Structures are given as structure tokens and as C-alpha cells.
Amino acid sequence: MSQCYYCGGEQVEQSTTFVYEDEDQFWVVRNVPALLFTRCGEKEYTQDVTHRMLTLFKQPPRPREILHVPAYELVAA
């Protein structure tokens, strides 16, 4: 395992949820294997996992579920 260059936290293997935005469409992929830094929460993905997600986005199967998510906008005062 390695340490984060910025926070010094240890890196651990953990499943996470990956969220990707493409124009007005959002993709949510659950149970993605990731390497997570314990202090800052930064996530890294192996080349294999990245390749699998890119393949998924190119030819997506039928989703397991459709999520209805409220969207907010933070306007600078």
C-alpha cells in the first residue's frame, strides 16, 4: 500500500460508488473497486477497473434501477 502525497493517509482497497456527468446525463456505478486514501478520501482506480467502466459507458446494459435525484444550484451572492 502507498501513502497519499498530499495528506499522508494510507491507501486501502474499498468498494465505492462512481458518479460521472456527461452533458445533462449522469451515470451512477455502484460497487466499484477502488483504492481509497484514508485521510482525504481521494480515490484511485486500476487500469482494469477504468477500462471496464469506459466499456460500460460506451455500450451500457439495461440499468439495475433508475434513480430520481433532486438537483439544486448554488448561486454566488
C-alpha atoms as a PDB file:
ATOM      1  CA  MET A   1       0.000   0.000   0.000  1.00  0.00           C
ATOM      2  CA  SER A   2       1.124   3.546  -0.610  1.00  0.00           C
ATOM      3  CA  GLN A   3       0.652   6.882   1.121  1.00  0.00           C
ATOM      4  CA  CYS A   4      -1.083   9.961  -0.286  1.00  0.00           C
ATOM      5  CA  TYR A   5       1.381  12.573  -1.479  1.00  0.00           C
ATOM      6  CA  TYR A   6      -0.775  15.386  -0.024  1.00  0.00           C
ATOM      7  CA  CYS A   7      -2.393  14.121   3.190  1.00  0.00           C
ATOM      8  CA  GLY A   8      -0.083  11.238   4.108  1.00  0.00           C
ATOM      9  CA  GLY A   9      -3.051   8.881   4.553  1.00  0.00           C
ATOM     10  CA  GLU A  10      -2.730   5.182   3.878  1.00  0.00           C
ATOM     11  CA  GLN A  11      -4.309   3.629   0.806  1.00  0.00           C
ATOM     12  CA  VAL A  12      -6.864   0.845   1.327  1.00  0.00           C
ATOM     13  CA  GLU A  13      -8.954  -1.235  -1.068  1.00  0.00           C
ATOM     14  CA  GLN A  14     -12.659  -0.483  -0.831  1.00  0.00           C
ATOM     15  CA  SER A  15     -15.805  -0.588  -2.962  1.00  0.00           C
ATOM     16  CA  THR A  16     -17.246   2.806  -3.825  1.00  0.00           C
ATOM     17  CA  THR A  17     -19.878   4.490  -5.951  1.00  0.00           C
ATOM     18  CA  PHE A  18     -18.610   6.215  -9.114  1.00  0.00           C
ATOM     19  CA  VAL A  19     -20.622   9.182 -10.432  1.00  0.00           C
ATOM     20  CA  TYR A  20     -19.947  10.549 -13.911  1.00  0.00           C
ATOM     21  CA  GLU A  21     -21.573  13.521 -15.652  1.00  0.00           C
ATOM     22  CA  ASP A  22     -21.753  13.785 -19.440  1.00  0.00           C
ATOM     23  CA  GLU A  23     -23.610  16.934 -20.536  1.00  0.00           C
ATOM     24  CA  ASP A  24     -27.057  16.582 -18.894  1.00  0.00           C
ATOM     25  CA  GLN A  25     -26.781  12.860 -18.225  1.00  0.00           C
ATOM     26  CA  PHE A  26     -25.454  11.302 -15.029  1.00  0.00           C
ATOM     27  CA  TRP A  27     -24.123   7.769 -14.632  1.00  0.00           C
ATOM     28  CA  VAL A  28     -24.014   6.066 -11.250  1.00  0.00           C
ATOM     29  CA  VAL A  29     -21.987   2.869 -10.968  1.00  0.00           C
ATOM     30  CA  ARG A  30     -22.130   1.097  -7.618  1.00  0.00           C
ATOM     31  CA  ASN A  31     -19.707  -1.395  -6.086  1.00  0.00           C
ATOM     32  CA  VAL A  32     -16.656  -0.164  -7.999  1.00  0.00           C
ATOM     33  CA  PRO A  33     -13.350  -1.475  -6.619  1.00  0.00           C
ATOM     34  CA  ALA A  34     -11.141   1.482  -5.687  1.00  0.00           C
ATOM     35  CA  LEU A  35      -8.032   2.407  -3.785  1.00  0.00           C
ATOM     36  CA  LEU A  36      -9.079   4.973  -1.180  1.00  0.00           C
ATOM     37  CA  PHE A  37      -6.820   7.214   0.874  1.00  0.00           C
ATOM     38  CA  THR A  38      -7.941   7.070   4.494  1.00  0.00           C
ATOM     39  CA  ARG A  39      -7.418  10.736   5.421  1.00  0.00           C
ATOM     40  CA  CYS A  40      -8.502  12.776   2.385  1.00  0.00           C
ATOM     41  CA  GLY A  41     -10.871  10.273   0.745  1.00  0.00           C
ATOM     42  CA  GLU A  42      -9.232  10.591  -2.687  1.00  0.00           C
ATOM     43  CA  LYS A  43      -9.988   7.554  -4.867  1.00  0.00           C
ATOM     44  CA  GLU A  44      -7.834   5.836  -7.457  1.00  0.00           C
ATOM     45  CA  TYR A  45      -8.891   3.119  -9.879  1.00  0.00           C
ATOM     46  CA  THR A  46      -6.774   0.444 -11.505  1.00  0.00           C
ATOM     47  CA  GLN A  47      -6.378   0.381 -15.291  1.00  0.00           C
ATOM     48  CA  ASP A  48      -8.615  -2.693 -15.446  1.00  0.00           C
ATOM     49  CA  VAL A  49     -11.443  -1.011 -13.495  1.00  0.00           C
ATOM     50  CA  THR A  50     -11.130   2.164 -15.595  1.00  0.00           C
ATOM     51  CA  HIS A  51     -11.263   0.118 -18.806  1.00  0.00           C
ATOM     52  CA  ARG A  52     -14.339  -1.771 -17.583  1.00  0.00           C
ATOM     53  CA  MET A  53     -16.156   1.482 -16.738  1.00  0.00           C
ATOM     54  CA  LEU A  54     -15.297   3.087 -20.094  1.00  0.00           C
ATOM     55  CA  THR A  55     -16.606  -0.022 -21.860  1.00  0.00           C
ATOM     56  CA  LEU A  56     -19.779   0.161 -19.763  1.00  0.00           C
ATOM     57  CA  PHE A  57     -20.348   3.810 -20.777  1.00  0.00           C
ATOM     58  CA  LYS A  58     -19.874   3.014 -24.488  1.00  0.00           C
ATOM     59  CA  GLN A  59     -22.369   0.139 -24.520  1.00  0.00           C
ATOM     60  CA  PRO A  60     -24.425   0.365 -21.358  1.00  0.00           C
ATOM     61  CA  PRO A  61     -26.602  -2.588 -20.396  1.00  0.00           C
ATOM     62  CA  ARG A  62     -30.065  -2.060 -19.011  1.00  0.00           C
ATOM     63  CA  PRO A  63     -29.647  -0.270 -15.656  1.00  0.00           C
ATOM     64  CA  ARG A  64     -30.423  -2.142 -12.467  1.00  0.00           C
ATOM     65  CA  GLU A  65     -32.572   0.786 -11.330  1.00  0.00           C
ATOM     66  CA  ILE A  66     -33.486   4.337 -12.321  1.00  0.00           C
ATOM     67  CA  LEU A  67     -32.770   6.962  -9.667  1.00  0.00           C
ATOM     68  CA  HIS A  68     -34.805  10.125  -9.232  1.00  0.00           C
ATOM     69  CA  VAL A  69     -32.431  12.707  -7.809  1.00  0.00           C
ATOM     70  CA  PRO A  70     -33.265  16.297  -6.877  1.00  0.00           C
ATOM     71  CA  ALA A  71     -30.925  18.871  -8.432  1.00  0.00           C
ATOM     72  CA  TYR A  72     -30.013  22.175  -6.806  1.00  0.00           C
ATOM     73  CA  GLU A  73     -27.987  25.134  -7.947  1.00  0.00           C
ATOM     74  CA  LEU A  74     -25.756  27.219  -5.735  1.00  0.00           C
ATOM     75  CA  VAL A  75     -25.765  30.784  -6.978  1.00  0.00           C
ATOM     76  CA  ALA A  76     -22.961  33.064  -5.843  1.00  0.00           C
ATOM     77  CA  ALA A  77     -24.299  36.072  -3.959  1.00  0.00           C
END
